[in-house]
Amino acid sequence: MPQQSSLTVPDGPAPRTISLEGVGDVVDAGRRSGYTHLRQQRLPTIGRLVTAARNAASVLNRSSLRPGGHGRWQPAPRPARRHVNGRMRITVVTLEPNSFVAGPPRTGRPYSLEVLYPVRGRAHLISSSPDGQMRSAAALAPDRARVVGASQGHHFLVNTGDEVAVVIRVTS
């Protein structure tokens, strides 16, 4: 049973009392909401996604693991995924020089986050509008994560170097 509270508001010569009975934010503070769209989402932060990407990249760099299936997104090798817990997915793509791959389809969840992290090689992230016009091109810098925002268009990852490029994608 909620406790009755009141607030005294000075208004001119005589203070008046206002009841907090109908104010839901105050009365229901700390209780679970019956509305599913207001429930707390326990999603990983961008920092956790970047840390997961760096850890997976270091595992791929120091081992002899080579992701197979050039030119398509696929789950990262098990040792690279082993250090990730929670609701994160790690995929990897291997691109030959002068090749590209379309960004993986969006999960459709409204709160999903996505981070790209280059393991080796040079690559650019190209963003295009729904009509095919290029909107932006951003280089994936070594040892730097790129947060990919939701877009109405498409994303393409292009290998712009002379060697095979490997890029990790971590999503929540």
N, C-alpha and C. Protein backbone atom coordinates (compact mmCIF):
# COMPACT_ATOMS: atom_id res chain seq x y z
N MET A 1 0.85 -1.17 0.00
CA MET A 1 0.00 0.00 0.00
C MET A 1 0.89 1.23 0.00
N PRO A 2 0.74 2.13 -0.98
CA PRO A 2 1.58 3.31 -1.03
C PRO A 2 1.28 4.25 0.12
N GLN A 3 2.32 4.91 0.56
CA GLN A 3 2.14 5.88 1.63
C GLN A 3 1.53 7.15 1.06
N GLN A 4 0.69 7.77 1.84
CA GLN A 4 0.10 9.04 1.44
C GLN A 4 1.14 10.13 1.62
N SER A 5 1.28 10.95 0.64
CA SER A 5 2.20 12.07 0.70
C SER A 5 1.46 13.31 0.27
N SER A 6 1.93 14.39 0.71
CA SER A 6 1.37 15.65 0.24
C SER A 6 2.49 16.65 0.14
N LEU A 7 2.26 17.65 -0.62
CA LEU A 7 3.25 18.66 -0.88
C LEU A 7 2.63 20.00 -0.57
N THR A 8 3.30 20.79 0.21
CA THR A 8 2.80 22.12 0.52
C THR A 8 3.45 23.11 -0.41
N VAL A 9 2.63 23.82 -1.15
CA VAL A 9 3.13 24.78 -2.11
C VAL A 9 2.76 26.18 -1.65
N PRO A 10 3.78 27.03 -1.43
CA PRO A 10 3.44 28.40 -1.04
C PRO A 10 2.87 29.14 -2.24
N ASP A 11 1.70 29.72 -2.06
CA ASP A 11 1.05 30.46 -3.14
C ASP A 11 0.38 31.67 -2.51
N GLY A 12 1.08 32.72 -2.46
CA GLY A 12 0.50 33.93 -1.87
C GLY A 12 0.54 33.87 -0.36
N PRO A 13 -0.46 34.47 0.28
CA PRO A 13 -0.43 34.58 1.74
C PRO A 13 -0.68 33.26 2.46
N ALA A 14 -1.54 32.36 1.93
CA ALA A 14 -1.85 31.11 2.63
C ALA A 14 -1.36 29.93 1.79
N PRO A 15 -0.52 29.01 2.37
CA PRO A 15 -0.08 27.85 1.59
C PRO A 15 -1.24 26.89 1.35
N ARG A 16 -1.22 26.22 0.18
CA ARG A 16 -2.25 25.23 -0.12
C ARG A 16 -1.59 23.87 -0.24
N THR A 17 -2.34 22.81 0.00
CA THR A 17 -1.81 21.45 -0.01
C THR A 17 -2.26 20.76 -1.29
N ILE A 18 -1.30 20.08 -1.96
CA ILE A 18 -1.59 19.34 -3.18
C ILE A 18 -1.33 17.87 -2.89
N SER A 19 -2.26 16.99 -3.25
CA SER A 19 -2.10 15.56 -3.03
C SER A 19 -1.28 14.96 -4.16
N LEU A 20 -0.39 14.03 -3.83
CA LEU A 20 0.42 13.32 -4.82
C LEU A 20 -0.22 11.99 -5.21
N GLU A 21 -1.45 11.78 -4.83
CA GLU A 21 -2.15 10.52 -5.07
C GLU A 21 -2.16 10.14 -6.55
N GLY A 22 -2.42 11.07 -7.44
CA GLY A 22 -2.56 10.74 -8.86
C GLY A 22 -1.29 10.87 -9.65
N VAL A 23 -0.18 11.17 -9.03
CA VAL A 23 1.07 11.34 -9.76
C VAL A 23 1.77 9.97 -9.79
N GLY A 24 1.72 9.30 -10.94
CA GLY A 24 2.23 7.93 -11.06
C GLY A 24 3.71 7.80 -10.87
N ASP A 25 4.49 8.78 -11.33
CA ASP A 25 5.95 8.66 -11.21
C ASP A 25 6.39 8.64 -9.76
N VAL A 26 5.69 9.38 -8.91
CA VAL A 26 6.08 9.44 -7.50
C VAL A 26 5.52 8.25 -6.73
N VAL A 27 4.25 7.95 -6.93
CA VAL A 27 3.59 6.88 -6.20
C VAL A 27 4.15 5.52 -6.59
N ASP A 28 4.45 5.30 -7.88
CA ASP A 28 4.90 4.00 -8.35
C ASP A 28 6.42 3.87 -8.43
N ALA A 29 7.15 4.80 -7.90
CA ALA A 29 8.61 4.76 -7.98
C ALA A 29 9.14 3.48 -7.33
N GLY A 30 9.97 2.76 -8.06
CA GLY A 30 10.59 1.54 -7.54
C GLY A 30 9.79 0.28 -7.80
N ARG A 31 8.55 0.39 -8.27
CA ARG A 31 7.75 -0.81 -8.58
C ARG A 31 7.89 -1.17 -10.04
N ARG A 32 7.64 -2.43 -10.35
CA ARG A 32 7.64 -2.87 -11.74
C ARG A 32 6.41 -2.34 -12.45
N SER A 33 6.60 -1.99 -13.70
CA SER A 33 5.50 -1.47 -14.50
C SER A 33 4.76 -2.63 -15.16
N GLY A 34 3.48 -2.48 -15.33
CA GLY A 34 2.70 -3.48 -16.04
C GLY A 34 2.80 -3.33 -17.55
N TYR A 35 3.46 -2.28 -18.01
CA TYR A 35 3.59 -2.02 -19.43
C TYR A 35 4.90 -2.61 -19.94
N THR A 36 4.80 -3.53 -20.90
CA THR A 36 6.00 -4.22 -21.38
C THR A 36 6.95 -3.28 -22.10
N HIS A 37 6.46 -2.23 -22.75
CA HIS A 37 7.35 -1.33 -23.47
C HIS A 37 8.14 -0.43 -22.51
N LEU A 38 7.81 -0.44 -21.22
CA LEU A 38 8.55 0.35 -20.25
C LEU A 38 9.50 -0.48 -19.40
N ARG A 39 9.59 -1.76 -19.69
CA ARG A 39 10.46 -2.60 -18.87
C ARG A 39 11.93 -2.26 -19.15
N GLN A 40 12.76 -2.58 -18.18
CA GLN A 40 14.17 -2.27 -18.29
C GLN A 40 14.83 -3.22 -19.27
N GLN A 41 15.57 -2.67 -20.22
CA GLN A 41 16.30 -3.48 -21.19
C GLN A 41 17.73 -3.66 -20.68
N ARG A 42 18.18 -4.88 -20.56
CA ARG A 42 19.54 -5.14 -20.11
C ARG A 42 20.41 -5.44 -21.32
N LEU A 43 20.69 -4.40 -22.09
CA LEU A 43 21.52 -4.55 -23.28
C LEU A 43 22.95 -4.15 -22.96
N PRO A 44 23.91 -4.75 -23.65
CA PRO A 44 25.30 -4.36 -23.44
C PRO A 44 25.52 -2.91 -23.89
N THR A 45 26.45 -2.25 -23.27
CA THR A 45 26.79 -0.90 -23.66
C THR A 45 27.74 -0.93 -24.85
N ILE A 46 27.95 0.21 -25.47
CA ILE A 46 28.88 0.29 -26.59
C ILE A 46 30.28 -0.09 -26.13
N GLY A 47 30.64 0.31 -24.92
CA GLY A 47 31.96 -0.04 -24.39
C GLY A 47 32.16 -1.54 -24.29
N ARG A 48 31.12 -2.26 -23.88
CA ARG A 48 31.23 -3.73 -23.79
C ARG A 48 31.33 -4.35 -25.18
N LEU A 49 30.61 -3.78 -26.16
CA LEU A 49 30.70 -4.28 -27.53
C LEU A 49 32.10 -4.07 -28.09
N VAL A 50 32.68 -2.89 -27.84
CA VAL A 50 34.02 -2.60 -28.34
C VAL A 50 35.04 -3.51 -27.67
N THR A 51 34.90 -3.73 -26.38
CA THR A 51 35.81 -4.63 -25.67
C THR A 51 35.71 -6.05 -26.23
N ALA A 52 34.51 -6.51 -26.50
CA ALA A 52 34.33 -7.84 -27.08
C ALA A 52 34.98 -7.93 -28.46
N ALA A 53 34.84 -6.87 -29.25
CA ALA A 53 35.45 -6.85 -30.59
C ALA A 53 36.97 -6.87 -30.49
N ARG A 54 37.53 -6.09 -29.59
CA ARG A 54 38.99 -6.07 -29.41
C ARG A 54 39.51 -7.44 -28.95
N ASN A 55 38.81 -8.04 -28.00
CA ASN A 55 39.23 -9.36 -27.52
C ASN A 55 39.17 -10.40 -28.63
N ALA A 56 38.11 -10.39 -29.42
CA ALA A 56 37.99 -11.34 -30.53
C ALA A 56 39.08 -11.10 -31.57
N ALA A 57 39.39 -9.82 -31.84
CA ALA A 57 40.43 -9.50 -32.81
C ALA A 57 41.80 -9.97 -32.32
N SER A 58 42.06 -9.81 -31.03
CA SER A 58 43.36 -10.26 -30.50
C SER A 58 43.49 -11.77 -30.58
N VAL A 59 42.40 -12.48 -30.35
CA VAL A 59 42.44 -13.95 -30.46
C VAL A 59 42.71 -14.35 -31.91
N LEU A 60 42.06 -13.68 -32.86
CA LEU A 60 42.28 -14.01 -34.27
C LEU A 60 43.69 -13.65 -34.72
N ASN A 61 44.26 -12.58 -34.19
CA ASN A 61 45.61 -12.16 -34.57
C ASN A 61 46.70 -13.07 -34.02
N ARG A 62 46.55 -13.53 -32.79
CA ARG A 62 47.63 -14.30 -32.18
C ARG A 62 47.53 -15.80 -32.47
N SER A 63 46.46 -16.23 -33.07
CA SER A 63 46.34 -17.65 -33.39
C SER A 63 46.43 -17.84 -34.90
N SER A 64 46.43 -19.07 -35.28
CA SER A 64 46.48 -19.38 -36.71
C SER A 64 45.07 -19.52 -37.29
N LEU A 65 44.07 -19.04 -36.55
CA LEU A 65 42.70 -19.14 -37.03
C LEU A 65 42.50 -18.27 -38.26
N ARG A 66 41.90 -18.83 -39.26
CA ARG A 66 41.57 -18.08 -40.46
C ARG A 66 40.10 -18.30 -40.75
N PRO A 67 39.30 -17.26 -40.67
CA PRO A 67 37.88 -17.45 -41.00
C PRO A 67 37.75 -17.89 -42.45
N GLY A 68 36.95 -18.90 -42.68
CA GLY A 68 36.71 -19.38 -44.03
C GLY A 68 35.56 -18.62 -44.67
N GLY A 69 35.18 -19.02 -45.85
CA GLY A 69 34.02 -18.41 -46.50
C GLY A 69 34.24 -16.96 -46.86
N HIS A 70 35.19 -16.69 -47.72
CA HIS A 70 35.49 -15.32 -48.10
C HIS A 70 34.27 -14.64 -48.72
N GLY A 71 34.08 -13.39 -48.37
CA GLY A 71 33.05 -12.58 -48.99
C GLY A 71 31.65 -12.71 -48.41
N ARG A 72 31.51 -13.34 -47.25
CA ARG A 72 30.19 -13.41 -46.62
C ARG A 72 30.35 -13.39 -45.10
N TRP A 73 29.35 -12.81 -44.44
CA TRP A 73 29.36 -12.75 -42.98
C TRP A 73 29.06 -14.13 -42.42
N GLN A 74 29.81 -14.52 -41.39
CA GLN A 74 29.61 -15.82 -40.75
C GLN A 74 29.99 -15.71 -39.28
N PRO A 75 29.54 -16.63 -38.46
CA PRO A 75 29.94 -16.59 -37.04
C PRO A 75 31.46 -16.67 -36.90
N ALA A 76 31.99 -15.93 -35.96
CA ALA A 76 33.43 -15.95 -35.71
C ALA A 76 33.83 -17.32 -35.19
N PRO A 77 35.09 -17.72 -35.37
CA PRO A 77 35.53 -19.01 -34.82
C PRO A 77 35.29 -19.07 -33.31
N ARG A 78 35.06 -20.27 -32.82
CA ARG A 78 34.71 -20.46 -31.41
C ARG A 78 35.69 -19.82 -30.42
N PRO A 79 37.01 -19.93 -30.62
CA PRO A 79 37.90 -19.27 -29.64
C PRO A 79 37.70 -17.76 -29.57
N ALA A 80 37.31 -17.13 -30.66
CA ALA A 80 37.07 -15.69 -30.66
C ALA A 80 35.75 -15.35 -29.95
N ARG A 81 34.80 -16.25 -29.99
CA ARG A 81 33.50 -16.02 -29.34
C ARG A 81 33.52 -16.43 -27.87
N ARG A 82 34.51 -17.18 -27.46
CA ARG A 82 34.54 -17.74 -26.11
C ARG A 82 34.57 -16.68 -25.02
N HIS A 83 35.18 -15.56 -25.27
CA HIS A 83 35.32 -14.52 -24.25
C HIS A 83 34.12 -13.59 -24.16
N VAL A 84 33.09 -13.86 -24.92
CA VAL A 84 31.92 -12.99 -24.95
C VAL A 84 30.79 -13.65 -24.19
N ASN A 85 30.18 -12.87 -23.32
CA ASN A 85 29.02 -13.39 -22.61
C ASN A 85 27.88 -12.40 -22.75
N GLY A 86 26.73 -12.82 -22.40
CA GLY A 86 25.58 -11.92 -22.52
C GLY A 86 24.91 -12.03 -23.88
N ARG A 87 24.27 -10.95 -24.26
CA ARG A 87 23.47 -10.96 -25.49
C ARG A 87 24.22 -10.36 -26.66
N MET A 88 25.44 -10.79 -26.88
CA MET A 88 26.23 -10.29 -27.99
C MET A 88 26.49 -11.40 -29.00
N ARG A 89 26.51 -11.00 -30.28
CA ARG A 89 26.84 -11.94 -31.35
C ARG A 89 28.06 -11.41 -32.08
N ILE A 90 28.99 -12.31 -32.39
CA ILE A 90 30.19 -11.92 -33.11
C ILE A 90 30.22 -12.63 -34.45
N THR A 91 30.29 -11.84 -35.51
CA THR A 91 30.43 -12.38 -36.86
C THR A 91 31.68 -11.79 -37.47
N VAL A 92 32.17 -12.43 -38.52
CA VAL A 92 33.41 -12.00 -39.16
C VAL A 92 33.25 -12.15 -40.66
N VAL A 93 33.94 -11.28 -41.40
CA VAL A 93 33.97 -11.39 -42.85
C VAL A 93 35.42 -11.27 -43.30
N THR A 94 35.76 -12.04 -44.32
CA THR A 94 37.08 -11.99 -44.95
C THR A 94 36.88 -11.52 -46.38
N LEU A 95 37.58 -10.44 -46.74
CA LEU A 95 37.42 -9.86 -48.08
C LEU A 95 38.73 -9.88 -48.85
N GLU A 96 38.67 -10.36 -50.06
CA GLU A 96 39.81 -10.31 -50.97
C GLU A 96 40.01 -8.86 -51.42
N PRO A 97 41.21 -8.50 -51.90
CA PRO A 97 41.42 -7.13 -52.40
C PRO A 97 40.40 -6.77 -53.49
N ASN A 98 39.94 -5.53 -53.46
CA ASN A 98 38.97 -4.98 -54.42
C ASN A 98 37.62 -5.70 -54.40
N SER A 99 37.26 -6.30 -53.29
CA SER A 99 35.94 -6.93 -53.20
C SER A 99 35.13 -6.22 -52.13
N PHE A 100 33.85 -6.52 -52.10
CA PHE A 100 32.97 -5.89 -51.12
C PHE A 100 31.92 -6.87 -50.67
N VAL A 101 31.27 -6.53 -49.57
CA VAL A 101 30.18 -7.33 -49.06
C VAL A 101 29.12 -6.37 -48.53
N ALA A 102 27.88 -6.72 -48.75
CA ALA A 102 26.79 -5.92 -48.19
C ALA A 102 26.77 -6.14 -46.69
N GLY A 103 26.43 -5.09 -45.98
CA GLY A 103 26.33 -5.21 -44.53
C GLY A 103 25.29 -6.25 -44.18
N PRO A 104 25.49 -6.95 -43.10
CA PRO A 104 24.52 -7.97 -42.73
C PRO A 104 23.16 -7.33 -42.49
N PRO A 105 22.09 -8.06 -42.73
CA PRO A 105 20.77 -7.47 -42.50
C PRO A 105 20.61 -7.06 -41.05
N ARG A 106 19.94 -5.94 -40.84
CA ARG A 106 19.68 -5.45 -39.49
C ARG A 106 18.81 -6.45 -38.76
N THR A 107 18.98 -6.51 -37.45
CA THR A 107 18.24 -7.48 -36.66
C THR A 107 16.76 -7.15 -36.58
N GLY A 108 16.40 -5.89 -36.81
CA GLY A 108 15.00 -5.50 -36.71
C GLY A 108 14.59 -5.11 -35.31
N ARG A 109 15.44 -5.40 -34.33
CA ARG A 109 15.14 -4.98 -32.97
C ARG A 109 15.44 -3.50 -32.84
N PRO A 110 14.57 -2.75 -32.20
CA PRO A 110 14.76 -1.30 -32.17
C PRO A 110 15.96 -0.85 -31.34
N TYR A 111 16.46 -1.68 -30.44
CA TYR A 111 17.53 -1.24 -29.56
C TYR A 111 18.85 -1.94 -29.84
N SER A 112 19.02 -2.51 -31.00
CA SER A 112 20.26 -3.23 -31.27
C SER A 112 21.40 -2.25 -31.55
N LEU A 113 22.60 -2.64 -31.14
CA LEU A 113 23.80 -1.86 -31.37
C LEU A 113 24.72 -2.69 -32.25
N GLU A 114 25.58 -2.01 -33.01
CA GLU A 114 26.49 -2.70 -33.92
C GLU A 114 27.84 -1.99 -33.93
N VAL A 115 28.92 -2.78 -33.83
CA VAL A 115 30.28 -2.25 -33.85
C VAL A 115 31.08 -3.05 -34.86
N LEU A 116 31.86 -2.37 -35.70
CA LEU A 116 32.78 -3.01 -36.63
C LEU A 116 34.20 -2.76 -36.15
N TYR A 117 35.05 -3.79 -36.26
CA TYR A 117 36.43 -3.67 -35.80
C TYR A 117 37.33 -4.41 -36.79
N PRO A 118 38.28 -3.69 -37.43
CA PRO A 118 39.17 -4.37 -38.38
C PRO A 118 40.23 -5.20 -37.67
N VAL A 119 40.42 -6.41 -38.13
CA VAL A 119 41.44 -7.30 -37.58
C VAL A 119 42.73 -7.13 -38.37
N ARG A 120 42.61 -7.13 -39.69
CA ARG A 120 43.77 -6.90 -40.56
C ARG A 120 43.29 -6.38 -41.91
N GLY A 121 44.18 -5.73 -42.61
CA GLY A 121 43.85 -5.18 -43.92
C GLY A 121 43.22 -3.80 -43.82
N ARG A 122 42.86 -3.24 -44.98
CA ARG A 122 42.21 -1.92 -45.06
C ARG A 122 40.81 -2.10 -45.62
N ALA A 123 39.87 -1.41 -45.00
CA ALA A 123 38.48 -1.49 -45.47
C ALA A 123 37.79 -0.16 -45.22
N HIS A 124 36.77 0.11 -46.01
CA HIS A 124 35.94 1.30 -45.87
C HIS A 124 34.49 0.85 -45.72
N LEU A 125 33.75 1.58 -44.90
CA LEU A 125 32.33 1.36 -44.74
C LEU A 125 31.61 2.40 -45.59
N ILE A 126 30.84 1.94 -46.55
CA ILE A 126 30.10 2.81 -47.47
C ILE A 126 28.64 2.77 -47.06
N SER A 127 28.04 3.94 -46.94
CA SER A 127 26.62 4.04 -46.61
C SER A 127 25.91 4.64 -47.81
N SER A 128 24.80 4.02 -48.21
CA SER A 128 24.05 4.53 -49.36
C SER A 128 22.58 4.69 -48.98
N SER A 129 21.92 5.59 -49.68
CA SER A 129 20.50 5.83 -49.44
C SER A 129 19.68 4.73 -50.12
N PRO A 130 18.39 4.65 -49.82
CA PRO A 130 17.57 3.61 -50.44
C PRO A 130 17.55 3.66 -51.97
N ASP A 131 17.78 4.85 -52.55
CA ASP A 131 17.78 4.94 -54.02
C ASP A 131 19.15 4.63 -54.63
N GLY A 132 20.15 4.27 -53.80
CA GLY A 132 21.45 3.86 -54.30
C GLY A 132 22.51 4.93 -54.29
N GLN A 133 22.17 6.15 -53.95
CA GLN A 133 23.16 7.23 -53.90
C GLN A 133 24.08 7.03 -52.70
N MET A 134 25.38 7.20 -52.92
CA MET A 134 26.34 7.06 -51.83
C MET A 134 26.22 8.27 -50.91
N ARG A 135 26.06 8.01 -49.60
CA ARG A 135 25.96 9.10 -48.62
C ARG A 135 27.26 9.37 -47.91
N SER A 136 28.00 8.31 -47.57
CA SER A 136 29.27 8.51 -46.87
C SER A 136 30.19 7.33 -47.07
N ALA A 137 31.48 7.60 -46.89
CA ALA A 137 32.50 6.57 -46.91
C ALA A 137 33.42 6.83 -45.73
N ALA A 138 33.61 5.83 -44.89
CA ALA A 138 34.43 5.99 -43.69
C ALA A 138 35.44 4.85 -43.62
N ALA A 139 36.70 5.22 -43.45
CA ALA A 139 37.75 4.21 -43.33
C ALA A 139 37.67 3.55 -41.96
N LEU A 140 37.87 2.24 -41.94
CA LEU A 140 37.99 1.51 -40.68
C LEU A 140 39.45 1.55 -40.29
N ALA A 141 39.76 2.32 -39.27
CA ALA A 141 41.15 2.50 -38.84
C ALA A 141 41.59 1.34 -37.96
N PRO A 142 42.87 0.96 -38.07
CA PRO A 142 43.38 -0.11 -37.21
C PRO A 142 43.24 0.27 -35.73
N ASP A 143 42.89 -0.70 -34.92
CA ASP A 143 42.73 -0.52 -33.47
C ASP A 143 41.67 0.51 -33.10
N ARG A 144 40.72 0.75 -33.99
CA ARG A 144 39.61 1.67 -33.70
C ARG A 144 38.30 0.99 -34.10
N ALA A 145 37.34 1.06 -33.22
CA ALA A 145 36.03 0.48 -33.50
C ALA A 145 35.16 1.52 -34.18
N ARG A 146 34.28 1.08 -35.04
CA ARG A 146 33.33 1.96 -35.72
C ARG A 146 31.93 1.55 -35.29
N VAL A 147 31.21 2.47 -34.67
CA VAL A 147 29.83 2.21 -34.28
C VAL A 147 28.95 2.51 -35.49
N VAL A 148 28.12 1.56 -35.86
CA VAL A 148 27.26 1.71 -37.03
C VAL A 148 25.86 2.01 -36.55
N GLY A 149 25.33 3.14 -36.98
CA GLY A 149 23.99 3.53 -36.57
C GLY A 149 22.93 2.95 -37.47
N ALA A 150 21.69 3.04 -37.01
CA ALA A 150 20.57 2.59 -37.82
C ALA A 150 20.44 3.51 -39.03
N SER A 151 20.11 2.94 -40.13
CA SER A 151 20.06 3.71 -41.36
C SER A 151 18.87 3.25 -42.19
N GLN A 152 18.36 4.17 -42.99
CA GLN A 152 17.28 3.82 -43.90
C GLN A 152 17.82 3.23 -45.20
N GLY A 153 19.12 3.31 -45.40
CA GLY A 153 19.74 2.79 -46.62
C GLY A 153 20.46 1.48 -46.38
N HIS A 154 21.59 1.34 -47.06
CA HIS A 154 22.37 0.11 -47.00
C HIS A 154 23.80 0.43 -46.62
N HIS A 155 24.48 -0.55 -46.04
CA HIS A 155 25.89 -0.44 -45.74
C HIS A 155 26.65 -1.48 -46.55
N PHE A 156 27.82 -1.09 -47.05
CA PHE A 156 28.69 -2.00 -47.76
C PHE A 156 30.08 -1.87 -47.17
N LEU A 157 30.75 -2.99 -47.03
CA LEU A 157 32.12 -3.00 -46.56
C LEU A 157 33.00 -3.33 -47.75
N VAL A 158 33.98 -2.45 -48.04
CA VAL A 158 34.82 -2.58 -49.23
C VAL A 158 36.27 -2.73 -48.81
N ASN A 159 36.95 -3.74 -49.35
CA ASN A 159 38.38 -3.90 -49.11
C ASN A 159 39.10 -2.95 -50.05
N THR A 160 39.77 -1.94 -49.50
CA THR A 160 40.46 -0.94 -50.31
C THR A 160 41.98 -1.12 -50.27
N GLY A 161 42.45 -2.22 -49.73
CA GLY A 161 43.89 -2.46 -49.64
C GLY A 161 44.36 -3.51 -50.63
N ASP A 162 45.64 -3.85 -50.50
CA ASP A 162 46.27 -4.84 -51.39
C ASP A 162 46.34 -6.23 -50.78
N GLU A 163 45.86 -6.37 -49.54
CA GLU A 163 45.89 -7.67 -48.87
C GLU A 163 44.48 -8.05 -48.43
N VAL A 164 44.34 -9.28 -47.98
CA VAL A 164 43.04 -9.76 -47.49
C VAL A 164 42.67 -8.97 -46.24
N ALA A 165 41.43 -8.51 -46.17
CA ALA A 165 40.94 -7.77 -45.01
C ALA A 165 40.01 -8.67 -44.20
N VAL A 166 40.13 -8.59 -42.88
CA VAL A 166 39.26 -9.34 -41.98
C VAL A 166 38.64 -8.32 -41.03
N VAL A 167 37.30 -8.34 -40.93
CA VAL A 167 36.58 -7.38 -40.09
C VAL A 167 35.63 -8.15 -39.19
N ILE A 168 35.59 -7.75 -37.91
CA ILE A 168 34.69 -8.35 -36.93
C ILE A 168 33.50 -7.43 -36.74
N ARG A 169 32.35 -8.02 -36.59
CA ARG A 169 31.12 -7.28 -36.29
C ARG A 169 30.54 -7.84 -35.00
N VAL A 170 30.29 -6.97 -34.03
CA VAL A 170 29.68 -7.37 -32.77
C VAL A 170 28.34 -6.65 -32.66
N THR A 171 27.28 -7.40 -32.41
CA THR A 171 25.95 -6.83 -32.27
C THR A 171 25.32 -7.27 -30.96
N SER A 172 24.36 -6.48 -30.52
CA SER A 172 23.63 -6.86 -29.32
C SER A 172 22.18 -7.08 -29.69
